[in-house]
Amino acid sequence: MTQNGIHHVTAIAGSARRNLDFYTRTLGLRLVKKTVNFDDPGAYHLYYGDAAGSPGTILTFFPWENAAPGRAGAGELQETSFRIPQGAIGYWMQRLTAYGVDRVQRFGETVLTFKDPDGMRLALVGLPGVEAEPAWDNGEIPAEFALRGFHGVSLMLDKTEATGAILSDIFGFAEAAREDGTIRYQAPGTKVGGIVDLRGVGGFLPARLGRGSVHHLAFRAADDAAEAEMVRKLAANHGIETTEQKDRNYFRSVYFREPGHVLFEIATDIPGFAVDEPSETLGQALKLPDFLERHRDSIKATLPELA
């Protein structure tokens, strides 16, 4: 059965050490891959997720120490939300006090909104029943309170119609609800990473990419054939061409700008994060693609210390 939904979200951070501390200790995610930006190997590319690095749980960062702050506006992924057990709301309210946490109601769900140290907008959504799902145990956050992958993302767009058509036609989402100017799209049968909210904000200034901004949003394709079919449909039905396929070692990707100007990626579920190191030790060693391996010593010399 084809599994639709979000594959990963990639954002821009400042300090790599601060980013690692916040996402592994404060939020309790697992560091599943420590590598470099393939296009800028002087900077890390850090991947966080669940114990296995499953699609739908992966939040990744390009930490650029001197990155200027981003500016919120139209044409961006505005907020990334994670699933937590409904009974964990009080725990996280207390834990995130220093990060401006606020409690709101959306689409009948209790949502905690806050920002990470770089200003990235995040949310935790309390859901019944998810406490029975497996959770990564980081030794600090009790498993009954731990994050269980993405709930979804919210996009701020000048107009929503054309983006909604791509979500439905290409990625298997369907409109599920509307509330306060936001249209909720949901991938039927997808529990983790199955929601994309579109908020129309005609007349807003365009977003400016920077520290605290999301760089791109990736959707799942089971394999190369599924990805190729999505590429074909994008061109045939929407007049949108993608990049050539790029090998990211842990998935294979194509990229395109959706009509609202957010950078979308289609990423294969295969081969996964255990392709170059055992599942038991994910994220512990610096992993480099073959074409950069001969430069390992010089790359390590330029990267900031993480501990």
C-alpha atoms as a PDB file:
ATOM      1  CA  MET A   1       0.000   0.000   0.000  1.00  0.00           C
ATOM      2  CA  THR A   2       1.347   3.431  -0.944  1.00  0.00           C
ATOM      3  CA  GLN A   3       2.087   5.613   2.068  1.00  0.00           C
ATOM      4  CA  ASN A   4       1.483   9.299   1.441  1.00  0.00           C
ATOM      5  CA  GLY A   5       2.470  12.202   3.624  1.00  0.00           C
ATOM      6  CA  ILE A   6       5.456  14.278   4.683  1.00  0.00           C
ATOM      7  CA  HIS A   7       8.928  12.747   4.388  1.00  0.00           C
ATOM      8  CA  HIS A   8      10.949  15.484   6.126  1.00  0.00           C
ATOM      9  CA  VAL A   9      11.240  19.201   6.827  1.00  0.00           C
ATOM     10  CA  THR A  10      14.546  21.024   6.412  1.00  0.00           C
ATOM     11  CA  ALA A  11      15.260  24.338   8.147  1.00  0.00           C
ATOM     12  CA  ILE A  12      18.084  26.814   8.743  1.00  0.00           C
ATOM     13  CA  ALA A  13      19.711  27.203  12.160  1.00  0.00           C
ATOM     14  CA  GLY A  14      22.519  29.269  13.645  1.00  0.00           C
ATOM     15  CA  SER A  15      24.734  27.491  16.183  1.00  0.00           C
ATOM     16  CA  ALA A  16      25.049  23.768  15.443  1.00  0.00           C
ATOM     17  CA  ARG A  17      25.782  22.960  19.094  1.00  0.00           C
ATOM     18  CA  ARG A  18      22.747  24.889  20.336  1.00  0.00           C
ATOM     19  CA  ASN A  19      20.572  23.237  17.687  1.00  0.00           C
ATOM     20  CA  LEU A  20      21.736  19.772  18.708  1.00  0.00           C
ATOM     21  CA  ASP A  21      21.157  20.470  22.389  1.00  0.00           C
ATOM     22  CA  PHE A  22      17.638  21.791  21.871  1.00  0.00           C
ATOM     23  CA  TYR A  23      16.360  19.047  19.579  1.00  0.00           C
ATOM     24  CA  THR A  24      17.962  16.074  21.331  1.00  0.00           C
ATOM     25  CA  ARG A  25      17.715  17.188  24.950  1.00  0.00           C
ATOM     26  CA  THR A  26      14.855  19.696  25.202  1.00  0.00           C
ATOM     27  CA  LEU A  27      12.579  18.001  22.648  1.00  0.00           C
ATOM     28  CA  GLY A  28      14.033  14.514  23.008  1.00  0.00           C
ATOM     29  CA  LEU A  29      14.447  13.609  19.338  1.00  0.00           C
ATOM     30  CA  ARG A  30      17.113  11.177  18.184  1.00  0.00           C
ATOM     31  CA  LEU A  31      20.042  12.442  16.134  1.00  0.00           C
ATOM     32  CA  VAL A  32      19.728   9.916  13.305  1.00  0.00           C
ATOM     33  CA  LYS A  33      22.354  11.309  10.929  1.00  0.00           C
ATOM     34  CA  LYS A  34      25.352  13.584  11.334  1.00  0.00           C
ATOM     35  CA  THR A  35      26.597  14.565   7.905  1.00  0.00           C
ATOM     36  CA  VAL A  36      27.342  17.725   5.936  1.00  0.00           C
ATOM     37  CA  ASN A  37      25.480  19.871   3.458  1.00  0.00           C
ATOM     38  CA  PHE A  38      26.430  18.121   0.204  1.00  0.00           C
ATOM     39  CA  ASP A  39      26.451  21.492  -1.600  1.00  0.00           C
ATOM     40  CA  ASP A  40      28.301  23.302   1.223  1.00  0.00           C
ATOM     41  CA  PRO A  41      30.436  20.705   3.033  1.00  0.00           C
ATOM     42  CA  GLY A  42      31.828  23.277   5.449  1.00  0.00           C
ATOM     43  CA  ALA A  43      28.465  23.148   7.258  1.00  0.00           C
ATOM     44  CA  TYR A  44      26.711  20.289   9.009  1.00  0.00           C
ATOM     45  CA  HIS A  45      23.478  18.708   7.898  1.00  0.00           C
ATOM     46  CA  LEU A  46      21.848  17.312  11.049  1.00  0.00           C
ATOM     47  CA  TYR A  47      18.859  14.949  10.917  1.00  0.00           C
ATOM     48  CA  TYR A  48      16.561  14.341  13.900  1.00  0.00           C
ATOM     49  CA  GLY A  49      13.723  11.828  14.134  1.00  0.00           C
ATOM     50  CA  ASP A  50      12.388   8.737  15.833  1.00  0.00           C
ATOM     51  CA  ALA A  51      14.420   5.676  16.819  1.00  0.00           C
ATOM     52  CA  ALA A  52      14.536   4.331  13.240  1.00  0.00           C
ATOM     53  CA  GLY A  53      14.667   7.613  11.353  1.00  0.00           C
ATOM     54  CA  SER A  54      11.275   6.889   9.810  1.00  0.00           C
ATOM     55  CA  PRO A  55       9.812   9.095   7.065  1.00  0.00           C
ATOM     56  CA  GLY A  56       7.307  11.445   8.666  1.00  0.00           C
ATOM     57  CA  THR A  57       9.459  12.025  11.749  1.00  0.00           C
ATOM     58  CA  ILE A  58      12.537  13.682  10.227  1.00  0.00           C
ATOM     59  CA  LEU A  59      13.408  17.315  10.917  1.00  0.00           C
ATOM     60  CA  THR A  60      16.744  18.378   9.422  1.00  0.00           C
ATOM     61  CA  PHE A  61      18.891  21.507   9.727  1.00  0.00           C
ATOM     62  CA  PHE A  62      21.578  23.395   7.901  1.00  0.00           C
ATOM     63  CA  PRO A  63      23.325  25.160  10.809  1.00  0.00           C
ATOM     64  CA  TRP A  64      25.083  28.254   9.463  1.00  0.00           C
ATOM     65  CA  GLU A  65      26.698  30.055  12.389  1.00  0.00           C
ATOM     66  CA  ASN A  66      26.436  33.526  10.839  1.00  0.00           C
ATOM     67  CA  ALA A  67      23.041  33.211   9.150  1.00  0.00           C
ATOM     68  CA  ALA A  68      20.887  36.338   9.407  1.00  0.00           C
ATOM     69  CA  PRO A  69      17.385  35.902  10.845  1.00  0.00           C
ATOM     70  CA  GLY A  70      14.605  35.040   8.432  1.00  0.00           C
ATOM     71  CA  ARG A  71      11.469  37.133   8.007  1.00  0.00           C
ATOM     72  CA  ALA A  72       7.975  35.666   8.243  1.00  0.00           C
ATOM     73  CA  GLY A  73       5.702  36.291   5.297  1.00  0.00           C
ATOM     74  CA  ALA A  74       3.852  34.812   2.362  1.00  0.00           C
ATOM     75  CA  GLY A  75       5.432  31.909   0.519  1.00  0.00           C
ATOM     76  CA  GLU A  76       6.848  29.939   3.431  1.00  0.00           C
ATOM     77  CA  LEU A  77       6.308  26.972   5.678  1.00  0.00           C
ATOM     78  CA  GLN A  78       5.148  28.840   8.745  1.00  0.00           C
ATOM     79  CA  GLU A  79       4.939  26.158  11.442  1.00  0.00           C
ATOM     80  CA  THR A  80       6.008  22.544  11.956  1.00  0.00           C
ATOM     81  CA  SER A  81       3.999  20.492  14.424  1.00  0.00           C
ATOM     82  CA  PHE A  82       4.657  17.210  16.230  1.00  0.00           C
ATOM     83  CA  ARG A  83       2.283  14.645  17.749  1.00  0.00           C
ATOM     84  CA  ILE A  84       2.282  14.058  21.503  1.00  0.00           C
ATOM     85  CA  PRO A  85      -0.040  12.087  23.801  1.00  0.00           C
ATOM     86  CA  GLN A  86      -2.991  14.142  24.978  1.00  0.00           C
ATOM     87  CA  GLY A  87      -1.953  13.492  28.562  1.00  0.00           C
ATOM     88  CA  ALA A  88       1.457  15.075  27.953  1.00  0.00           C
ATOM     89  CA  ILE A  89       0.156  18.634  27.482  1.00  0.00           C
ATOM     90  CA  GLY A  90       0.876  19.701  31.058  1.00  0.00           C
ATOM     91  CA  TYR A  91       4.377  18.215  30.998  1.00  0.00           C
ATOM     92  CA  TRP A  92       5.309  20.130  27.846  1.00  0.00           C
ATOM     93  CA  MET A  93       3.687  23.371  29.003  1.00  0.00           C
ATOM     94  CA  GLN A  94       6.061  23.341  31.955  1.00  0.00           C
ATOM     95  CA  ARG A  95       9.101  22.102  30.030  1.00  0.00           C
ATOM     96  CA  LEU A  96       8.822  24.769  27.307  1.00  0.00           C
ATOM     97  CA  THR A  97       8.141  27.787  29.515  1.00  0.00           C
ATOM     98  CA  ALA A  98      11.408  29.440  28.490  1.00  0.00           C
ATOM     99  CA  TYR A  99      10.465  29.196  24.797  1.00  0.00           C
ATOM    100  CA  GLY A 100       7.283  31.270  24.876  1.00  0.00           C
ATOM    101  CA  VAL A 101       4.874  28.338  24.893  1.00  0.00           C
ATOM    102  CA  ASP A 102       1.189  29.147  24.397  1.00  0.00           C
ATOM    103  CA  ARG A 103      -1.852  26.866  24.514  1.00  0.00           C
ATOM    104  CA  VAL A 104      -4.484  27.192  21.770  1.00  0.00           C
ATOM    105  CA  GLN A 105      -7.284  25.177  20.172  1.00  0.00           C
ATOM    106  CA  ARG A 106      -7.259  24.350  16.452  1.00  0.00           C
ATOM    107  CA  PHE A 107      -9.539  22.010  14.567  1.00  0.00           C
ATOM    108  CA  GLY A 108     -10.738  20.579  17.885  1.00  0.00           C
ATOM    109  CA  GLU A 109      -7.187  19.763  19.027  1.00  0.00           C
ATOM    110  CA  THR A 110      -5.103  21.173  21.882  1.00  0.00           C
ATOM    111  CA  VAL A 111      -1.963  22.756  20.448  1.00  0.00           C
ATOM    112  CA  LEU A 112       1.116  24.141  22.193  1.00  0.00           C
ATOM    113  CA  THR A 113       2.930  26.747  20.095  1.00  0.00           C
ATOM    114  CA  PHE A 114       6.497  27.940  20.749  1.00  0.00           C
ATOM    115  CA  LYS A 115       9.773  28.830  19.019  1.00  0.00           C
ATOM    116  CA  ASP A 116      13.154  27.161  19.031  1.00  0.00           C
ATOM    117  CA  PRO A 117      16.296  29.184  19.947  1.00  0.00           C
ATOM    118  CA  ASP A 118      16.620  30.426  16.352  1.00  0.00           C
ATOM    119  CA  GLY A 119      12.993  31.533  16.101  1.00  0.00           C
ATOM    120  CA  MET A 120      11.623  28.580  14.138  1.00  0.00           C
ATOM    121  CA  ARG A 121       7.899  28.182  14.775  1.00  0.00           C
ATOM    122  CA  LEU A 122       6.989  24.814  16.272  1.00  0.00           C
ATOM    123  CA  ALA A 123       3.919  23.201  17.796  1.00  0.00           C
ATOM    124  CA  LEU A 124       2.987  20.097  19.765  1.00  0.00           C
ATOM    125  CA  VAL A 125      -0.490  18.650  19.192  1.00  0.00           C
ATOM    126  CA  GLY A 126      -2.091  16.514  21.901  1.00  0.00           C
ATOM    127  CA  LEU A 127      -3.804  13.443  20.426  1.00  0.00           C
ATOM    128  CA  PRO A 128      -5.627  10.533  22.076  1.00  0.00           C
ATOM    129  CA  GLY A 129      -4.203   7.043  21.640  1.00  0.00           C
ATOM    130  CA  VAL A 130      -0.692   7.945  20.497  1.00  0.00           C
ATOM    131  CA  GLU A 131       0.774   7.012  23.884  1.00  0.00           C
ATOM    132  CA  ALA A 132       0.525   3.376  22.735  1.00  0.00           C
ATOM    133  CA  GLU A 133       2.925   4.051  19.841  1.00  0.00           C
ATOM    134  CA  PRO A 134       6.666   3.407  20.313  1.00  0.00           C
ATOM    135  CA  ALA A 135       8.775   6.411  21.316  1.00  0.00           C
ATOM    136  CA  TRP A 136      12.483   7.217  21.376  1.00  0.00           C
ATOM    137  CA  ASP A 137      13.851   7.086  24.916  1.00  0.00           C
ATOM    138  CA  ASN A 138      16.595   9.695  25.287  1.00  0.00           C
ATOM    139  CA  GLY A 139      17.034   8.937  28.978  1.00  0.00           C
ATOM    140  CA  GLU A 140      15.662  12.321  30.004  1.00  0.00           C
ATOM    141  CA  ILE A 141      12.068  12.610  28.768  1.00  0.00           C
ATOM    142  CA  PRO A 142       9.762   9.825  29.978  1.00  0.00           C
ATOM    143  CA  ALA A 143       8.479   7.725  27.058  1.00  0.00           C
ATOM    144  CA  GLU A 144       4.856   8.488  27.920  1.00  0.00           C
ATOM    145  CA  PHE A 145       5.484  12.168  27.117  1.00  0.00           C
ATOM    146  CA  ALA A 146       7.791  11.790  24.104  1.00  0.00           C
ATOM    147  CA  LEU A 147       7.154  13.141  20.594  1.00  0.00           C
ATOM    148  CA  ARG A 148       5.644  10.696  18.068  1.00  0.00           C
ATOM    149  CA  GLY A 149       6.594  12.136  14.691  1.00  0.00           C
ATOM    150  CA  PHE A 150       5.077  14.964  12.712  1.00  0.00           C
ATOM    151  CA  HIS A 151       1.472  15.987  13.046  1.00  0.00           C
ATOM    152  CA  GLY A 152       1.840  18.261  10.032  1.00  0.00           C
ATOM    153  CA  VAL A 153       2.886  21.635   8.695  1.00  0.00           C
ATOM    154  CA  SER A 154       1.260  24.983   8.030  1.00  0.00           C
ATOM    155  CA  LEU A 155       2.002  26.979   4.873  1.00  0.00           C
ATOM    156  CA  MET A 156       1.411  30.734   4.593  1.00  0.00           C
ATOM    157  CA  LEU A 157       0.547  31.565   0.986  1.00  0.00           C
ATOM    158  CA  ASP A 158      -0.705  34.495  -1.030  1.00  0.00           C
ATOM    159  CA  LYS A 159      -3.272  32.155  -2.637  1.00  0.00           C
ATOM    160  CA  THR A 160      -4.082  28.555  -1.763  1.00  0.00           C
ATOM    161  CA  GLU A 161      -6.010  27.045  -4.676  1.00  0.00           C
ATOM    162  CA  ALA A 162      -3.165  25.921  -6.946  1.00  0.00           C
ATOM    163  CA  THR A 163      -1.145  24.550  -4.034  1.00  0.00           C
ATOM    164  CA  GLY A 164      -4.180  22.627  -2.795  1.00  0.00           C
ATOM    165  CA  ALA A 165      -4.601  21.108  -6.254  1.00  0.00           C
ATOM    166  CA  ILE A 166      -1.024  19.786  -6.172  1.00  0.00           C
ATOM    167  CA  LEU A 167      -1.473  18.366  -2.664  1.00  0.00           C
ATOM    168  CA  SER A 168      -4.555  16.492  -3.887  1.00  0.00           C
ATOM    169  CA  ASP A 169      -3.464  15.419  -7.359  1.00  0.00           C
ATOM    170  CA  ILE A 170       0.206  14.621  -6.774  1.00  0.00           C
ATOM    171  CA  PHE A 171       0.558  13.759  -3.081  1.00  0.00           C
ATOM    172  CA  GLY A 172      -2.767  12.080  -2.284  1.00  0.00           C
ATOM    173  CA  PHE A 173      -4.099  14.617   0.218  1.00  0.00           C
ATOM    174  CA  ALA A 174      -7.752  15.668   0.401  1.00  0.00           C
ATOM    175  CA  GLU A 175      -9.436  18.690   1.929  1.00  0.00           C
ATOM    176  CA  ALA A 176     -10.610  17.697   5.410  1.00  0.00           C
ATOM    177  CA  ALA A 177     -11.770  20.892   7.169  1.00  0.00           C
ATOM    178  CA  ARG A 178     -11.726  24.691   7.218  1.00  0.00           C
ATOM    179  CA  GLU A 179     -11.288  26.988  10.201  1.00  0.00           C
ATOM    180  CA  ASP A 180     -10.498  30.695  10.572  1.00  0.00           C
ATOM    181  CA  GLY A 181      -9.149  31.103   7.057  1.00  0.00           C
ATOM    182  CA  THR A 182      -7.086  27.894   7.147  1.00  0.00           C
ATOM    183  CA  ILE A 183      -7.791  24.927   4.882  1.00  0.00           C
ATOM    184  CA  ARG A 184      -6.702  21.553   6.254  1.00  0.00           C
ATOM    185  CA  TYR A 185      -5.539  18.879   3.821  1.00  0.00           C
ATOM    186  CA  GLN A 186      -5.068  15.355   5.099  1.00  0.00           C
ATOM    187  CA  ALA A 187      -3.549  12.194   3.606  1.00  0.00           C
ATOM    188  CA  PRO A 188      -6.179   9.484   4.244  1.00  0.00           C
ATOM    189  CA  GLY A 189      -4.906   6.637   6.394  1.00  0.00           C
ATOM    190  CA  THR A 190      -1.668   8.444   7.264  1.00  0.00           C
ATOM    191  CA  LYS A 191      -1.152   8.954  10.982  1.00  0.00           C
ATOM    192  CA  VAL A 192       2.356  10.442  10.999  1.00  0.00           C
ATOM    193  CA  GLY A 193       3.012  13.516   8.853  1.00  0.00           C
ATOM    194  CA  GLY A 194      -0.397  13.391   7.232  1.00  0.00           C
ATOM    195  CA  ILE A 195      -1.568  17.010   7.541  1.00  0.00           C
ATOM    196  CA  VAL A 196      -0.837  20.163   5.562  1.00  0.00           C
ATOM    197  CA  ASP A 197      -2.677  23.357   6.521  1.00  0.00           C
ATOM    198  CA  LEU A 198      -2.888  26.169   3.960  1.00  0.00           C
ATOM    199  CA  ARG A 199      -3.439  29.706   5.193  1.00  0.00           C
ATOM    200  CA  GLY A 200      -4.225  32.349   2.587  1.00  0.00           C
ATOM    201  CA  VAL A 201      -2.673  35.736   3.427  1.00  0.00           C
ATOM    202  CA  GLY A 202      -3.071  37.825   0.289  1.00  0.00           C
ATOM    203  CA  GLY A 203      -1.144  41.099   0.463  1.00  0.00           C
ATOM    204  CA  PHE A 204       1.501  40.010   2.991  1.00  0.00           C
ATOM    205  CA  LEU A 205       5.150  40.780   2.313  1.00  0.00           C
ATOM    206  CA  PRO A 206       7.039  37.763   0.924  1.00  0.00           C
ATOM    207  CA  ALA A 207       9.002  35.685   3.398  1.00  0.00           C
ATOM    208  CA  ARG A 208      12.771  36.087   3.549  1.00  0.00           C
ATOM    209  CA  LEU A 209      14.844  32.948   4.088  1.00  0.00           C
ATOM    210  CA  GLY A 210      17.236  32.950   7.037  1.00  0.00           C
ATOM    211  CA  ARG A 211      17.915  31.608  10.504  1.00  0.00           C
ATOM    212  CA  GLY A 212      14.702  30.129  11.899  1.00  0.00           C
ATOM    213  CA  SER A 213      13.172  29.667   8.436  1.00  0.00           C
ATOM    214  CA  VAL A 214      12.196  26.418   6.768  1.00  0.00           C
ATOM    215  CA  HIS A 215      14.252  25.792   3.642  1.00  0.00           C
ATOM    216  CA  HIS A 216      12.023  23.128   2.072  1.00  0.00           C
ATOM    217  CA  LEU A 217       9.261  20.601   2.645  1.00  0.00           C
ATOM    218  CA  ALA A 218       9.670  17.014   1.388  1.00  0.00           C
ATOM    219  CA  PHE A 219       6.867  14.606   0.523  1.00  0.00           C
ATOM    220  CA  ARG A 220       7.123  10.826   0.413  1.00  0.00           C
ATOM    221  CA  ALA A 221       7.535   8.599  -2.629  1.00  0.00           C
ATOM    222  CA  ALA A 222       7.877   4.881  -2.002  1.00  0.00           C
ATOM    223  CA  ASP A 223      10.614   4.405  -4.592  1.00  0.00           C
ATOM    224  CA  ASP A 224      12.077   5.770  -7.832  1.00  0.00           C
ATOM    225  CA  ALA A 225       9.140   4.618  -9.930  1.00  0.00           C
ATOM    226  CA  ALA A 226       6.628   6.363  -7.658  1.00  0.00           C
ATOM    227  CA  GLU A 227       8.723   9.516  -7.734  1.00  0.00           C
ATOM    228  CA  ALA A 228       8.978   9.432 -11.525  1.00  0.00           C
ATOM    229  CA  GLU A 229       5.206   9.157 -11.807  1.00  0.00           C
ATOM    230  CA  MET A 230       4.765  12.217  -9.576  1.00  0.00           C
ATOM    231  CA  VAL A 231       7.226  14.116 -11.763  1.00  0.00           C
ATOM    232  CA  ARG A 232       5.276  13.111 -14.876  1.00  0.00           C
ATOM    233  CA  LYS A 233       1.943  14.210 -13.390  1.00  0.00           C
ATOM    234  CA  LEU A 234       3.360  17.535 -12.222  1.00  0.00           C
ATOM    235  CA  ALA A 235       4.418  18.369 -15.772  1.00  0.00           C
ATOM    236  CA  ALA A 236       1.337  16.980 -17.489  1.00  0.00           C
ATOM    237  CA  ASN A 237      -1.338  18.290 -15.120  1.00  0.00           C
ATOM    238  CA  HIS A 238       0.221  21.434 -13.634  1.00  0.00           C
ATOM    239  CA  GLY A 239       2.906  22.558 -16.074  1.00  0.00           C
ATOM    240  CA  ILE A 240       5.631  22.299 -13.415  1.00  0.00           C
ATOM    241  CA  GLU A 241       9.067  20.858 -14.132  1.00  0.00           C
ATOM    242  CA  THR A 242      11.275  19.466 -11.374  1.00  0.00           C
ATOM    243  CA  THR A 243      15.044  19.329 -11.057  1.00  0.00           C
ATOM    244  CA  GLU A 244      16.892  16.199 -12.108  1.00  0.00           C
ATOM    245  CA  GLN A 245      16.985  13.471  -9.479  1.00  0.00           C
ATOM    246  CA  LYS A 246      19.662  14.030  -6.816  1.00  0.00           C
ATOM    247  CA  ASP A 247      21.138  11.227  -4.725  1.00  0.00           C
ATOM    248  CA  ARG A 248      21.109  12.270  -1.060  1.00  0.00           C
ATOM    249  CA  ASN A 249      22.484   8.883   0.101  1.00  0.00           C
ATOM    250  CA  TYR A 250      19.496   8.199   2.374  1.00  0.00           C
ATOM    251  CA  PHE A 251      16.833   9.054  -0.217  1.00  0.00           C
ATOM    252  CA  ARG A 252      16.690  10.247  -3.816  1.00  0.00           C
ATOM    253  CA  SER A 253      15.093  13.602  -4.483  1.00  0.00           C
ATOM    254  CA  VAL A 254      13.671  16.032  -6.986  1.00  0.00           C
ATOM    255  CA  TYR A 255      12.747  19.644  -6.216  1.00  0.00           C
ATOM    256  CA  PHE A 256      10.326  22.263  -7.502  1.00  0.00           C
ATOM    257  CA  ARG A 257       8.690  25.540  -6.477  1.00  0.00           C
ATOM    258  CA  GLU A 258       4.986  25.077  -5.897  1.00  0.00           C
ATOM    259  CA  PRO A 259       2.688  27.919  -7.059  1.00  0.00           C
ATOM    260  CA  GLY A 260       2.881  29.668  -3.670  1.00  0.00           C
ATOM    261  CA  HIS A 261       6.707  29.752  -3.954  1.00  0.00           C
ATOM    262  CA  VAL A 262       7.470  27.220  -1.201  1.00  0.00           C
ATOM    263  CA  LEU A 263      10.274  24.839  -2.198  1.00  0.00           C
ATOM    264  CA  PHE A 264       8.865  21.303  -2.355  1.00  0.00           C
ATOM    265  CA  GLU A 265      10.882  18.102  -2.567  1.00  0.00           C
ATOM    266  CA  ILE A 266       9.818  14.588  -3.449  1.00  0.00           C
ATOM    267  CA  ALA A 267      11.990  12.114  -1.526  1.00  0.00           C
ATOM    268  CA  THR A 268      12.039   8.327  -1.778  1.00  0.00           C
ATOM    269  CA  ASP A 269      11.518   6.228   1.341  1.00  0.00           C
ATOM    270  CA  ILE A 270      14.473   4.109   0.251  1.00  0.00           C
ATOM    271  CA  PRO A 271      17.229   3.320   1.095  1.00  0.00           C
ATOM    272  CA  GLY A 272      16.848   4.900   4.555  1.00  0.00           C
ATOM    273  CA  PHE A 273      19.271   6.051   7.234  1.00  0.00           C
ATOM    274  CA  ALA A 274      20.738   2.644   8.108  1.00  0.00           C
ATOM    275  CA  VAL A 275      22.349   2.319   4.673  1.00  0.00           C
ATOM    276  CA  ASP A 276      25.784   3.459   5.937  1.00  0.00           C
ATOM    277  CA  GLU A 277      25.749   2.712   9.677  1.00  0.00           C
ATOM    278  CA  PRO A 278      23.943   0.303  12.011  1.00  0.00           C
ATOM    279  CA  SER A 279      20.539   1.325  13.362  1.00  0.00           C
ATOM    280  CA  GLU A 280      21.884   0.976  16.905  1.00  0.00           C
ATOM    281  CA  THR A 281      24.490   3.705  16.388  1.00  0.00           C
ATOM    282  CA  LEU A 282      22.662   6.119  14.091  1.00  0.00           C
ATOM    283  CA  GLY A 283      23.959   9.668  14.337  1.00  0.00           C
ATOM    284  CA  GLN A 284      27.100   8.923  16.306  1.00  0.00           C
ATOM    285  CA  ALA A 285      29.724   9.158  13.551  1.00  0.00           C
ATOM    286  CA  LEU A 286      30.246  11.823  10.903  1.00  0.00           C
ATOM    287  CA  LYS A 287      29.057  10.282   7.644  1.00  0.00           C
ATOM    288  CA  LEU A 288      30.158  11.639   4.270  1.00  0.00           C
ATOM    289  CA  PRO A 289      29.094  10.781   0.726  1.00  0.00           C
ATOM    290  CA  ASP A 290      31.681   8.966  -1.369  1.00  0.00           C
ATOM    291  CA  PHE A 291      32.589  12.063  -3.380  1.00  0.00           C
ATOM    292  CA  LEU A 292      33.562  13.917  -0.186  1.00  0.00           C
ATOM    293  CA  GLU A 293      35.232  11.090   1.702  1.00  0.00           C
ATOM    294  CA  ARG A 294      38.710  11.956   0.416  1.00  0.00           C
ATOM    295  CA  HIS A 295      38.291  15.420   1.959  1.00  0.00           C
ATOM    296  CA  ARG A 296      37.281  14.092   5.409  1.00  0.00           C
ATOM    297  CA  ASP A 297      40.218  15.575   7.329  1.00  0.00           C
ATOM    298  CA  SER A 298      39.818  19.084   5.895  1.00  0.00           C
ATOM    299  CA  ILE A 299      36.037  18.974   6.326  1.00  0.00           C
ATOM    300  CA  LYS A 300      36.306  17.909   9.974  1.00  0.00           C
ATOM    301  CA  ALA A 301      38.798  20.737  10.573  1.00  0.00           C
ATOM    302  CA  THR A 302      36.288  23.355   9.385  1.00  0.00           C
ATOM    303  CA  LEU A 303      33.202  22.034  11.186  1.00  0.00           C
ATOM    304  CA  PRO A 304      32.346  23.468  14.619  1.00  0.00           C
ATOM    305  CA  GLU A 305      32.549  21.257  17.689  1.00  0.00           C
ATOM    306  CA  LEU A 306      29.232  19.738  18.718  1.00  0.00           C
ATOM    307  CA  ALA A 307      30.192  18.780  22.271  1.00  0.00           C
END
